[in-house]
Amino acid sequence: MTSTVALRARTSIPHARLVACYAAILGTFPYLTLKISWVTGGTIGLRDPSFVDTSTMRFANLLTAGMDAAAIALAFALTYGWGRRIPAPLVLFPAWVATGLLAPIVLSSPVIGVDLLSASSSALPLEDWVWAVVYGGFTWQGVALLTAFVLYARDRWPVLTTAHARPVGPLGGLVGVASIGTAALHFAWAAGSTFALVPGRTVGLSARFLDVVVGVLTLLIVAALLTLHRGRLWPRLVVIWTGAGSMAGWGGWMLFTTVLGGPLAEGATLVQAAVYAVQVTVGVLAMAALLRRIPRTA
C-alpha cells in the first residue's frame, strides 16, 4: 500500500506540470492573436488603426509577440524531460523575467478588473474588450506559467526546499538601502506624486495599485535579505525571486517605453529614464546578492 501511494505521488507531478504547461500556452493565444493581427495589417480590437501603424509600434508589437512566443517555449521546457538538460541560466533567466512581468499583474488582477469595469476608455484607440482580454490572458498565463516553474524547480533542484543560506554581505546591504528608496518612490506614485513621471499623465486606479504591489514586493526583498541566514532558504528565495524580478521586469519595460517609444515616451524626462534604470539595476543586484549566498550544492 505504501508503494502504491508513493507511486501515485510520483506520477501526480508530471500530470500537474502538463496541465500547467498547456494552460499557460492557452493563455498566450488571445494576446498573440491580437499582435499577429496588428503586425499583419489587421484591425481586430482597434478603434483607430493608425495607432499601430508606426515603426515604433510595429517594433513594439513584434517584440511583445516574441515575448509571448518565448513564454510558450518556456512552458514546454518546464514540462518535458529535455528541459532539464538545458543549462540552468537559459531556463532561469526567462523564467525570472516572466515572473517579474506577470506576478504583479496576477496580484493586481482584482483591482485591474474593477478599474476596467468602471473606467471610460472611449477616447482610447483600442476597444474596451481588448483590455479585458489582454489582462485576463496575462493573469491566466501568469498563474499557469508560475505553477509550471515551481513544479520544475522542485523537481530539478529539490535541495532548495531544505537548504540554508549564508548571511548577506555588503552587496546585500547596498541592495537593501536602494530597495527602500525604490519602494518609497513607488508608494509616492501610488499616493499621487508626479515626480519623474510624464507631465500631465493621468494615472488610473490599477496603475496606482500596481505601484503599491511593486513597492511591497521591494520591501519584502529587504526583509528576506536581512533574514536570509535564519531558517530555510526557500521562502526567502521565493520572495527575492519575485520581488527582484518585478523590479527588473517592470523597470525594464517602463524604461523601454520611455526611451524607445510608446504611450509614455511623449514628454518623458531623463530623470524618469534614470529612475527606471536604477530600478532594473537594483533588481539585478538583489538576485546577485541572493545567488552569492546560496550553497553551491543547491
C-alpha atoms as a PDB file:
ATOM      1  CA  MET A   1       0.000   0.000   0.000  1.00  0.00           C
ATOM      2  CA  THR A   2       2.822   2.353   0.856  1.00  0.00           C
ATOM      3  CA  SER A   3       4.461   1.736  -2.519  1.00  0.00           C
ATOM      4  CA  THR A   4       1.136   2.439  -4.263  1.00  0.00           C
ATOM      5  CA  VAL A   5       0.786   5.788  -2.501  1.00  0.00           C
ATOM      6  CA  ALA A   6       4.404   6.668  -3.348  1.00  0.00           C
ATOM      7  CA  LEU A   7       3.841   5.751  -6.990  1.00  0.00           C
ATOM      8  CA  ARG A   8       0.766   7.963  -7.166  1.00  0.00           C
ATOM      9  CA  ALA A   9       2.717  10.832  -5.619  1.00  0.00           C
ATOM     10  CA  ARG A  10       5.467  10.446  -8.220  1.00  0.00           C
ATOM     11  CA  THR A  11       3.063  10.288 -11.153  1.00  0.00           C
ATOM     12  CA  SER A  12       0.872  13.184  -9.974  1.00  0.00           C
ATOM     13  CA  ILE A  13       3.633  15.760 -10.560  1.00  0.00           C
ATOM     14  CA  PRO A  14       4.018  15.153 -14.316  1.00  0.00           C
ATOM     15  CA  HIS A  15       0.236  15.390 -14.767  1.00  0.00           C
ATOM     16  CA  ALA A  16       0.173  18.687 -12.866  1.00  0.00           C
ATOM     17  CA  ARG A  17       3.032  20.003 -14.983  1.00  0.00           C
ATOM     18  CA  LEU A  18       1.244  19.038 -18.189  1.00  0.00           C
ATOM     19  CA  VAL A  19      -1.890  20.873 -17.090  1.00  0.00           C
ATOM     20  CA  ALA A  20       0.124  23.957 -16.113  1.00  0.00           C
ATOM     21  CA  CYS A  21       2.070  23.869 -19.390  1.00  0.00           C
ATOM     22  CA  TYR A  22      -0.896  23.754 -21.729  1.00  0.00           C
ATOM     23  CA  ALA A  23      -2.905  26.165 -19.598  1.00  0.00           C
ATOM     24  CA  ALA A  24      -0.035  28.661 -19.914  1.00  0.00           C
ATOM     25  CA  ILE A  25       0.102  28.145 -23.682  1.00  0.00           C
ATOM     26  CA  LEU A  26      -3.657  28.610 -23.943  1.00  0.00           C
ATOM     27  CA  GLY A  27      -3.296  31.874 -22.033  1.00  0.00           C
ATOM     28  CA  THR A  28      -0.963  33.276 -24.707  1.00  0.00           C
ATOM     29  CA  PHE A  29      -3.384  32.809 -27.606  1.00  0.00           C
ATOM     30  CA  PRO A  30      -5.586  35.931 -27.157  1.00  0.00           C
ATOM     31  CA  TYR A  31      -2.606  38.269 -26.901  1.00  0.00           C
ATOM     32  CA  LEU A  32      -0.726  36.590 -29.751  1.00  0.00           C
ATOM     33  CA  THR A  33      -3.830  36.741 -31.955  1.00  0.00           C
ATOM     34  CA  LEU A  34      -4.116  40.491 -31.433  1.00  0.00           C
ATOM     35  CA  LYS A  35      -0.415  41.100 -32.030  1.00  0.00           C
ATOM     36  CA  ILE A  36      -0.303  38.990 -35.193  1.00  0.00           C
ATOM     37  CA  SER A  37      -3.374  40.806 -36.487  1.00  0.00           C
ATOM     38  CA  TRP A  38      -1.881  44.235 -35.861  1.00  0.00           C
ATOM     39  CA  VAL A  39       1.547  43.372 -37.288  1.00  0.00           C
ATOM     40  CA  THR A  40      -0.013  41.975 -40.474  1.00  0.00           C
ATOM     41  CA  GLY A  41      -2.322  44.937 -41.026  1.00  0.00           C
ATOM     42  CA  GLY A  42      -5.439  43.620 -39.293  1.00  0.00           C
ATOM     43  CA  THR A  43      -7.779  45.844 -37.283  1.00  0.00           C
ATOM     44  CA  ILE A  44      -9.084  43.467 -34.608  1.00  0.00           C
ATOM     45  CA  GLY A  45      -9.894  45.487 -31.486  1.00  0.00           C
ATOM     46  CA  LEU A  46      -8.748  48.798 -32.969  1.00  0.00           C
ATOM     47  CA  ARG A  47     -10.838  51.957 -32.927  1.00  0.00           C
ATOM     48  CA  ASP A  48      -8.028  53.820 -34.640  1.00  0.00           C
ATOM     49  CA  PRO A  49      -5.891  51.600 -36.903  1.00  0.00           C
ATOM     50  CA  SER A  50      -3.298  54.350 -37.241  1.00  0.00           C
ATOM     51  CA  PHE A  51      -2.373  53.702 -33.586  1.00  0.00           C
ATOM     52  CA  VAL A  52      -0.348  50.633 -34.591  1.00  0.00           C
ATOM     53  CA  ASP A  53       0.733  51.961 -37.990  1.00  0.00           C
ATOM     54  CA  THR A  54       4.072  53.447 -36.934  1.00  0.00           C
ATOM     55  CA  SER A  55       7.560  51.954 -36.964  1.00  0.00           C
ATOM     56  CA  THR A  56       7.791  52.210 -33.177  1.00  0.00           C
ATOM     57  CA  MET A  57       4.502  50.402 -32.584  1.00  0.00           C
ATOM     58  CA  ARG A  58       5.307  47.751 -35.183  1.00  0.00           C
ATOM     59  CA  PHE A  59       8.589  47.079 -33.409  1.00  0.00           C
ATOM     60  CA  ALA A  60       6.843  47.009 -30.013  1.00  0.00           C
ATOM     61  CA  ASN A  61       4.187  44.607 -31.292  1.00  0.00           C
ATOM     62  CA  LEU A  62       6.804  42.308 -32.803  1.00  0.00           C
ATOM     63  CA  LEU A  63       8.791  42.404 -29.561  1.00  0.00           C
ATOM     64  CA  THR A  64       5.810  41.618 -27.327  1.00  0.00           C
ATOM     65  CA  ALA A  65       4.606  38.886 -29.686  1.00  0.00           C
ATOM     66  CA  GLY A  66       8.083  37.410 -29.498  1.00  0.00           C
ATOM     67  CA  MET A  67       7.949  37.552 -25.699  1.00  0.00           C
ATOM     68  CA  ASP A  68       4.702  35.578 -25.720  1.00  0.00           C
ATOM     69  CA  ALA A  69       6.220  33.070 -28.147  1.00  0.00           C
ATOM     70  CA  ALA A  70       9.155  32.738 -25.741  1.00  0.00           C
ATOM     71  CA  ALA A  71       6.651  32.044 -22.945  1.00  0.00           C
ATOM     72  CA  ILE A  72       5.328  29.110 -24.981  1.00  0.00           C
ATOM     73  CA  ALA A  73       8.851  27.730 -25.442  1.00  0.00           C
ATOM     74  CA  LEU A  74       9.498  28.196 -21.714  1.00  0.00           C
ATOM     75  CA  ALA A  75       6.299  26.324 -20.828  1.00  0.00           C
ATOM     76  CA  PHE A  76       7.444  23.343 -22.903  1.00  0.00           C
ATOM     77  CA  ALA A  77      10.935  23.454 -21.350  1.00  0.00           C
ATOM     78  CA  LEU A  78       9.443  23.460 -17.852  1.00  0.00           C
ATOM     79  CA  THR A  79       7.333  20.413 -18.629  1.00  0.00           C
ATOM     80  CA  TYR A  80       9.201  17.882 -20.737  1.00  0.00           C
ATOM     81  CA  GLY A  81      12.323  15.909 -19.888  1.00  0.00           C
ATOM     82  CA  TRP A  82      14.572  17.725 -22.355  1.00  0.00           C
ATOM     83  CA  GLY A  83      14.011  20.905 -20.352  1.00  0.00           C
ATOM     84  CA  ARG A  84      16.103  19.506 -17.501  1.00  0.00           C
ATOM     85  CA  ARG A  85      19.086  19.149 -19.836  1.00  0.00           C
ATOM     86  CA  ILE A  86      19.056  22.835 -20.778  1.00  0.00           C
ATOM     87  CA  PRO A  87      21.773  24.832 -18.942  1.00  0.00           C
ATOM     88  CA  ALA A  88      20.201  26.372 -15.856  1.00  0.00           C
ATOM     89  CA  PRO A  89      20.779  30.046 -16.836  1.00  0.00           C
ATOM     90  CA  LEU A  90      18.902  29.561 -20.124  1.00  0.00           C
ATOM     91  CA  VAL A  91      15.849  28.454 -18.144  1.00  0.00           C
ATOM     92  CA  LEU A  92      16.190  30.652 -15.082  1.00  0.00           C
ATOM     93  CA  PHE A  93      16.623  33.991 -16.844  1.00  0.00           C
ATOM     94  CA  PRO A  94      13.432  33.883 -18.976  1.00  0.00           C
ATOM     95  CA  ALA A  95      11.549  32.369 -16.028  1.00  0.00           C
ATOM     96  CA  TRP A  96      12.753  35.219 -13.807  1.00  0.00           C
ATOM     97  CA  VAL A  97      11.748  37.861 -16.347  1.00  0.00           C
ATOM     98  CA  ALA A  98       8.350  36.196 -16.802  1.00  0.00           C
ATOM     99  CA  THR A  99       7.849  36.129 -13.038  1.00  0.00           C
ATOM    100  CA  GLY A 100       8.749  39.796 -12.785  1.00  0.00           C
ATOM    101  CA  LEU A 101       6.341  40.866 -15.513  1.00  0.00           C
ATOM    102  CA  LEU A 102       3.407  38.590 -14.688  1.00  0.00           C
ATOM    103  CA  ALA A 103       3.403  38.284 -10.880  1.00  0.00           C
ATOM    104  CA  PRO A 104       2.461  41.960 -10.253  1.00  0.00           C
ATOM    105  CA  ILE A 105      -0.389  41.639 -12.776  1.00  0.00           C
ATOM    106  CA  VAL A 106      -1.650  38.467 -11.093  1.00  0.00           C
ATOM    107  CA  LEU A 107      -1.545  40.147  -7.673  1.00  0.00           C
ATOM    108  CA  SER A 108      -3.243  43.269  -9.048  1.00  0.00           C
ATOM    109  CA  SER A 109      -5.843  41.443 -11.160  1.00  0.00           C
ATOM    110  CA  PRO A 110      -8.866  42.128  -8.885  1.00  0.00           C
ATOM    111  CA  VAL A 111      -8.160  45.872  -8.923  1.00  0.00           C
ATOM    112  CA  ILE A 112      -7.414  45.822 -12.651  1.00  0.00           C
ATOM    113  CA  GLY A 113     -10.807  44.149 -13.182  1.00  0.00           C
ATOM    114  CA  VAL A 114     -12.606  46.814 -11.152  1.00  0.00           C
ATOM    115  CA  ASP A 115     -10.737  49.553 -12.984  1.00  0.00           C
ATOM    116  CA  LEU A 116     -11.663  48.115 -16.378  1.00  0.00           C
ATOM    117  CA  LEU A 117     -15.329  47.894 -15.421  1.00  0.00           C
ATOM    118  CA  SER A 118     -15.527  51.445 -14.091  1.00  0.00           C
ATOM    119  CA  ALA A 119     -13.164  53.375 -16.365  1.00  0.00           C
ATOM    120  CA  SER A 120     -14.306  55.116 -19.526  1.00  0.00           C
ATOM    121  CA  SER A 121     -11.929  54.401 -22.397  1.00  0.00           C
ATOM    122  CA  SER A 122     -13.961  55.744 -25.307  1.00  0.00           C
ATOM    123  CA  ALA A 123     -11.152  58.159 -26.206  1.00  0.00           C
ATOM    124  CA  LEU A 124      -8.542  55.400 -26.428  1.00  0.00           C
ATOM    125  CA  PRO A 125      -7.540  53.796 -29.750  1.00  0.00           C
ATOM    126  CA  LEU A 126      -8.448  50.274 -28.534  1.00  0.00           C
ATOM    127  CA  GLU A 127     -11.863  48.725 -27.975  1.00  0.00           C
ATOM    128  CA  ASP A 128     -12.894  48.238 -24.352  1.00  0.00           C
ATOM    129  CA  TRP A 129     -12.852  44.431 -24.576  1.00  0.00           C
ATOM    130  CA  VAL A 130      -9.200  44.404 -25.646  1.00  0.00           C
ATOM    131  CA  TRP A 131      -8.062  45.463 -22.176  1.00  0.00           C
ATOM    132  CA  ALA A 132     -10.060  42.679 -20.533  1.00  0.00           C
ATOM    133  CA  VAL A 133      -8.723  40.084 -22.977  1.00  0.00           C
ATOM    134  CA  VAL A 134      -5.121  41.223 -22.591  1.00  0.00           C
ATOM    135  CA  TYR A 135      -5.021  41.481 -18.797  1.00  0.00           C
ATOM    136  CA  GLY A 136      -7.217  38.439 -18.332  1.00  0.00           C
ATOM    137  CA  GLY A 137      -4.798  36.494 -20.544  1.00  0.00           C
ATOM    138  CA  PHE A 138      -1.798  37.802 -18.614  1.00  0.00           C
ATOM    139  CA  THR A 139      -3.370  36.735 -15.313  1.00  0.00           C
ATOM    140  CA  TRP A 140      -4.241  33.267 -16.605  1.00  0.00           C
ATOM    141  CA  GLN A 141      -0.817  32.886 -18.199  1.00  0.00           C
ATOM    142  CA  GLY A 142       0.942  34.111 -15.067  1.00  0.00           C
ATOM    143  CA  VAL A 143      -0.755  31.649 -12.714  1.00  0.00           C
ATOM    144  CA  ALA A 144      -0.161  28.709 -15.067  1.00  0.00           C
ATOM    145  CA  LEU A 145       3.422  29.558 -16.013  1.00  0.00           C
ATOM    146  CA  LEU A 146       4.496  30.288 -12.437  1.00  0.00           C
ATOM    147  CA  THR A 147       2.926  26.993 -11.331  1.00  0.00           C
ATOM    148  CA  ALA A 148       4.847  25.148 -14.047  1.00  0.00           C
ATOM    149  CA  PHE A 149       8.081  26.806 -12.935  1.00  0.00           C
ATOM    150  CA  VAL A 150       7.590  25.919  -9.259  1.00  0.00           C
ATOM    151  CA  LEU A 151       6.970  22.274 -10.163  1.00  0.00           C
ATOM    152  CA  TYR A 152      10.007  22.274 -12.461  1.00  0.00           C
ATOM    153  CA  ALA A 153      12.300  23.859  -9.864  1.00  0.00           C
ATOM    154  CA  ARG A 154      11.143  21.439  -7.170  1.00  0.00           C
ATOM    155  CA  ASP A 155      11.969  18.533  -9.480  1.00  0.00           C
ATOM    156  CA  ARG A 156      15.329  19.807 -10.780  1.00  0.00           C
ATOM    157  CA  TRP A 157      16.669  21.368  -7.568  1.00  0.00           C
ATOM    158  CA  PRO A 158      14.981  19.510  -4.675  1.00  0.00           C
ATOM    159  CA  VAL A 159      17.771  20.556  -2.290  1.00  0.00           C
ATOM    160  CA  LEU A 160      16.396  24.125  -2.348  1.00  0.00           C
ATOM    161  CA  THR A 161      13.450  23.022  -0.193  1.00  0.00           C
ATOM    162  CA  THR A 162      15.774  22.167   2.711  1.00  0.00           C
ATOM    163  CA  ALA A 163      18.867  24.318   2.063  1.00  0.00           C
ATOM    164  CA  HIS A 164      20.050  27.197   4.237  1.00  0.00           C
ATOM    165  CA  ALA A 165      21.904  30.284   3.015  1.00  0.00           C
ATOM    166  CA  ARG A 166      24.752  32.336   4.400  1.00  0.00           C
ATOM    167  CA  PRO A 167      24.228  35.891   5.751  1.00  0.00           C
ATOM    168  CA  VAL A 168      24.264  38.684   3.179  1.00  0.00           C
ATOM    169  CA  GLY A 169      27.423  40.699   2.669  1.00  0.00           C
ATOM    170  CA  PRO A 170      27.994  44.346   1.720  1.00  0.00           C
ATOM    171  CA  LEU A 171      26.200  43.871  -1.606  1.00  0.00           C
ATOM    172  CA  GLY A 172      23.064  42.801   0.251  1.00  0.00           C
ATOM    173  CA  GLY A 173      23.261  45.914   2.430  1.00  0.00           C
ATOM    174  CA  LEU A 174      23.586  48.151  -0.628  1.00  0.00           C
ATOM    175  CA  VAL A 175      20.616  46.426  -2.243  1.00  0.00           C
ATOM    176  CA  GLY A 176      18.602  46.874   0.942  1.00  0.00           C
ATOM    177  CA  VAL A 177      19.167  50.639   1.057  1.00  0.00           C
ATOM    178  CA  ALA A 178      18.430  51.058  -2.660  1.00  0.00           C
ATOM    179  CA  SER A 179      15.316  48.864  -2.360  1.00  0.00           C
ATOM    180  CA  ILE A 180      13.894  51.027   0.415  1.00  0.00           C
ATOM    181  CA  GLY A 181      14.371  54.119  -1.745  1.00  0.00           C
ATOM    182  CA  THR A 182      12.759  52.411  -4.738  1.00  0.00           C
ATOM    183  CA  ALA A 183       9.806  51.237  -2.662  1.00  0.00           C
ATOM    184  CA  ALA A 184       9.312  54.746  -1.266  1.00  0.00           C
ATOM    185  CA  LEU A 185       9.142  56.125  -4.798  1.00  0.00           C
ATOM    186  CA  HIS A 186       6.507  53.577  -5.846  1.00  0.00           C
ATOM    187  CA  PHE A 187       4.429  54.370  -2.773  1.00  0.00           C
ATOM    188  CA  ALA A 188       4.724  58.083  -3.578  1.00  0.00           C
ATOM    189  CA  TRP A 189       3.473  57.436  -7.126  1.00  0.00           C
ATOM    190  CA  ALA A 190       0.606  55.392  -5.740  1.00  0.00           C
ATOM    191  CA  ALA A 191      -0.299  58.321  -3.492  1.00  0.00           C
ATOM    192  CA  GLY A 192      -0.425  60.715  -6.442  1.00  0.00           C
ATOM    193  CA  SER A 193       3.103  62.094  -6.703  1.00  0.00           C
ATOM    194  CA  THR A 194       4.174  63.054 -10.227  1.00  0.00           C
ATOM    195  CA  PHE A 195       7.914  63.014  -9.510  1.00  0.00           C
ATOM    196  CA  ALA A 196       9.819  61.756 -12.596  1.00  0.00           C
ATOM    197  CA  LEU A 197       6.601  60.995 -14.460  1.00  0.00           C
ATOM    198  CA  VAL A 198       5.364  62.357 -17.765  1.00  0.00           C
ATOM    199  CA  PRO A 199       3.880  65.820 -17.128  1.00  0.00           C
ATOM    200  CA  GLY A 200       0.089  65.759 -17.178  1.00  0.00           C
ATOM    201  CA  ARG A 201      -0.097  61.966 -17.208  1.00  0.00           C
ATOM    202  CA  THR A 202      -3.337  60.571 -15.792  1.00  0.00           C
ATOM    203  CA  VAL A 203      -2.720  57.605 -13.500  1.00  0.00           C
ATOM    204  CA  GLY A 204      -5.603  55.164 -13.063  1.00  0.00           C
ATOM    205  CA  LEU A 205      -6.537  53.031 -10.077  1.00  0.00           C
ATOM    206  CA  SER A 206      -4.898  49.878 -11.433  1.00  0.00           C
ATOM    207  CA  ALA A 207      -1.609  51.671 -12.167  1.00  0.00           C
ATOM    208  CA  ARG A 208      -1.515  53.064  -8.642  1.00  0.00           C
ATOM    209  CA  PHE A 209      -2.282  49.678  -7.129  1.00  0.00           C
ATOM    210  CA  LEU A 210       0.442  48.145  -9.282  1.00  0.00           C
ATOM    211  CA  ASP A 211       2.850  50.659  -7.759  1.00  0.00           C
ATOM    212  CA  VAL A 212       1.725  49.506  -4.305  1.00  0.00           C
ATOM    213  CA  VAL A 213       2.321  45.863  -5.245  1.00  0.00           C
ATOM    214  CA  VAL A 214       5.814  46.563  -6.598  1.00  0.00           C
ATOM    215  CA  GLY A 215       6.581  48.699  -3.542  1.00  0.00           C
ATOM    216  CA  VAL A 216       5.512  45.957  -1.131  1.00  0.00           C
ATOM    217  CA  LEU A 217       7.455  43.295  -3.034  1.00  0.00           C
ATOM    218  CA  THR A 218      10.505  45.561  -2.947  1.00  0.00           C
ATOM    219  CA  LEU A 219      10.286  45.985   0.832  1.00  0.00           C
ATOM    220  CA  LEU A 220       9.884  42.241   1.235  1.00  0.00           C
ATOM    221  CA  ILE A 221      13.231  41.862  -0.543  1.00  0.00           C
ATOM    222  CA  VAL A 222      14.866  43.810   2.270  1.00  0.00           C
ATOM    223  CA  ALA A 223      13.267  41.625   4.943  1.00  0.00           C
ATOM    224  CA  ALA A 224      14.228  38.447   3.080  1.00  0.00           C
ATOM    225  CA  LEU A 225      17.849  39.521   2.610  1.00  0.00           C
ATOM    226  CA  LEU A 226      18.233  40.510   6.266  1.00  0.00           C
ATOM    227  CA  THR A 227      16.898  37.144   7.441  1.00  0.00           C
ATOM    228  CA  LEU A 228      18.455  35.055   4.663  1.00  0.00           C
ATOM    229  CA  HIS A 229      20.558  33.036   7.105  1.00  0.00           C
ATOM    230  CA  ARG A 230      17.693  32.407   9.529  1.00  0.00           C
ATOM    231  CA  GLY A 231      15.622  29.361   8.798  1.00  0.00           C
ATOM    232  CA  ARG A 232      15.082  27.647   5.469  1.00  0.00           C
ATOM    233  CA  LEU A 233      16.117  29.278   2.247  1.00  0.00           C
ATOM    234  CA  TRP A 234      13.104  28.594   0.024  1.00  0.00           C
ATOM    235  CA  PRO A 235      10.586  31.120   1.484  1.00  0.00           C
ATOM    236  CA  ARG A 236      13.153  33.909   1.178  1.00  0.00           C
ATOM    237  CA  LEU A 237      14.175  32.643  -2.244  1.00  0.00           C
ATOM    238  CA  VAL A 238      10.565  32.968  -3.445  1.00  0.00           C
ATOM    239  CA  VAL A 239      10.284  36.496  -2.050  1.00  0.00           C
ATOM    240  CA  ILE A 240      13.568  37.742  -3.518  1.00  0.00           C
ATOM    241  CA  TRP A 241      12.992  35.967  -6.834  1.00  0.00           C
ATOM    242  CA  THR A 242       9.557  37.562  -7.226  1.00  0.00           C
ATOM    243  CA  GLY A 243      10.445  40.987  -5.856  1.00  0.00           C
ATOM    244  CA  ALA A 244      13.707  41.366  -7.748  1.00  0.00           C
ATOM    245  CA  GLY A 245      12.055  40.081 -10.914  1.00  0.00           C
ATOM    246  CA  SER A 246       9.257  42.623 -10.530  1.00  0.00           C
ATOM    247  CA  MET A 247      11.727  45.460 -10.068  1.00  0.00           C
ATOM    248  CA  ALA A 248      13.854  44.444 -13.044  1.00  0.00           C
ATOM    249  CA  GLY A 249      10.993  43.329 -15.288  1.00  0.00           C
ATOM    250  CA  TRP A 250       8.673  46.289 -14.801  1.00  0.00           C
ATOM    251  CA  GLY A 251      11.566  48.722 -14.591  1.00  0.00           C
ATOM    252  CA  GLY A 252      12.921  47.372 -17.868  1.00  0.00           C
ATOM    253  CA  TRP A 253       9.554  47.546 -19.593  1.00  0.00           C
ATOM    254  CA  MET A 254       8.929  51.118 -18.423  1.00  0.00           C
ATOM    255  CA  LEU A 255      12.454  52.068 -19.471  1.00  0.00           C
ATOM    256  CA  PHE A 256      11.748  50.622 -22.916  1.00  0.00           C
ATOM    257  CA  THR A 257       8.501  52.547 -23.335  1.00  0.00           C
ATOM    258  CA  THR A 258      10.133  55.725 -22.041  1.00  0.00           C
ATOM    259  CA  VAL A 259      13.249  55.662 -24.183  1.00  0.00           C
ATOM    260  CA  LEU A 260      12.224  53.841 -27.359  1.00  0.00           C
ATOM    261  CA  GLY A 261       8.625  54.930 -27.725  1.00  0.00           C
ATOM    262  CA  GLY A 262       5.048  54.181 -26.737  1.00  0.00           C
ATOM    263  CA  PRO A 263       2.382  55.941 -24.656  1.00  0.00           C
ATOM    264  CA  LEU A 264       4.867  57.134 -22.019  1.00  0.00           C
ATOM    265  CA  ALA A 265       7.509  58.418 -24.406  1.00  0.00           C
ATOM    266  CA  GLU A 266       5.911  61.793 -25.096  1.00  0.00           C
ATOM    267  CA  GLY A 267       7.264  64.327 -22.652  1.00  0.00           C
ATOM    268  CA  ALA A 268       9.375  61.776 -20.782  1.00  0.00           C
ATOM    269  CA  THR A 269      12.390  63.121 -18.926  1.00  0.00           C
ATOM    270  CA  LEU A 270      15.908  61.879 -18.390  1.00  0.00           C
ATOM    271  CA  VAL A 271      15.086  61.683 -14.682  1.00  0.00           C
ATOM    272  CA  GLN A 272      12.256  59.288 -15.456  1.00  0.00           C
ATOM    273  CA  ALA A 273      14.520  57.075 -17.563  1.00  0.00           C
ATOM    274  CA  ALA A 274      17.193  57.176 -14.848  1.00  0.00           C
ATOM    275  CA  VAL A 275      14.676  56.073 -12.191  1.00  0.00           C
ATOM    276  CA  TYR A 276      13.694  53.013 -14.205  1.00  0.00           C
ATOM    277  CA  ALA A 277      17.337  52.214 -14.986  1.00  0.00           C
ATOM    278  CA  VAL A 278      18.154  52.302 -11.261  1.00  0.00           C
ATOM    279  CA  GLN A 279      15.181  50.058 -10.550  1.00  0.00           C
ATOM    280  CA  VAL A 280      16.422  47.482 -13.069  1.00  0.00           C
ATOM    281  CA  THR A 281      19.917  47.652 -11.576  1.00  0.00           C
ATOM    282  CA  VAL A 282      18.633  47.128  -8.026  1.00  0.00           C
ATOM    283  CA  GLY A 283      16.555  44.151  -9.135  1.00  0.00           C
ATOM    284  CA  VAL A 284      19.559  42.531 -10.810  1.00  0.00           C
ATOM    285  CA  LEU A 285      21.798  43.238  -7.793  1.00  0.00           C
ATOM    286  CA  ALA A 286      19.206  41.734  -5.448  1.00  0.00           C
ATOM    287  CA  MET A 287      19.321  38.477  -7.396  1.00  0.00           C
ATOM    288  CA  ALA A 288      23.123  38.628  -7.469  1.00  0.00           C
ATOM    289  CA  ALA A 289      23.209  39.074  -3.688  1.00  0.00           C
ATOM    290  CA  LEU A 290      20.960  36.041  -3.302  1.00  0.00           C
ATOM    291  CA  LEU A 291      22.872  33.807  -5.727  1.00  0.00           C
ATOM    292  CA  ARG A 292      26.155  34.579  -3.958  1.00  0.00           C
ATOM    293  CA  ARG A 293      24.698  33.229  -0.703  1.00  0.00           C
ATOM    294  CA  ILE A 294      23.052  30.046  -1.973  1.00  0.00           C
ATOM    295  CA  PRO A 295      25.087  26.940  -1.107  1.00  0.00           C
ATOM    296  CA  ARG A 296      26.949  25.557  -4.123  1.00  0.00           C
ATOM    297  CA  THR A 297      25.268  22.201  -3.606  1.00  0.00           C
ATOM    298  CA  ALA A 298      21.926  23.885  -4.414  1.00  0.00           C
END
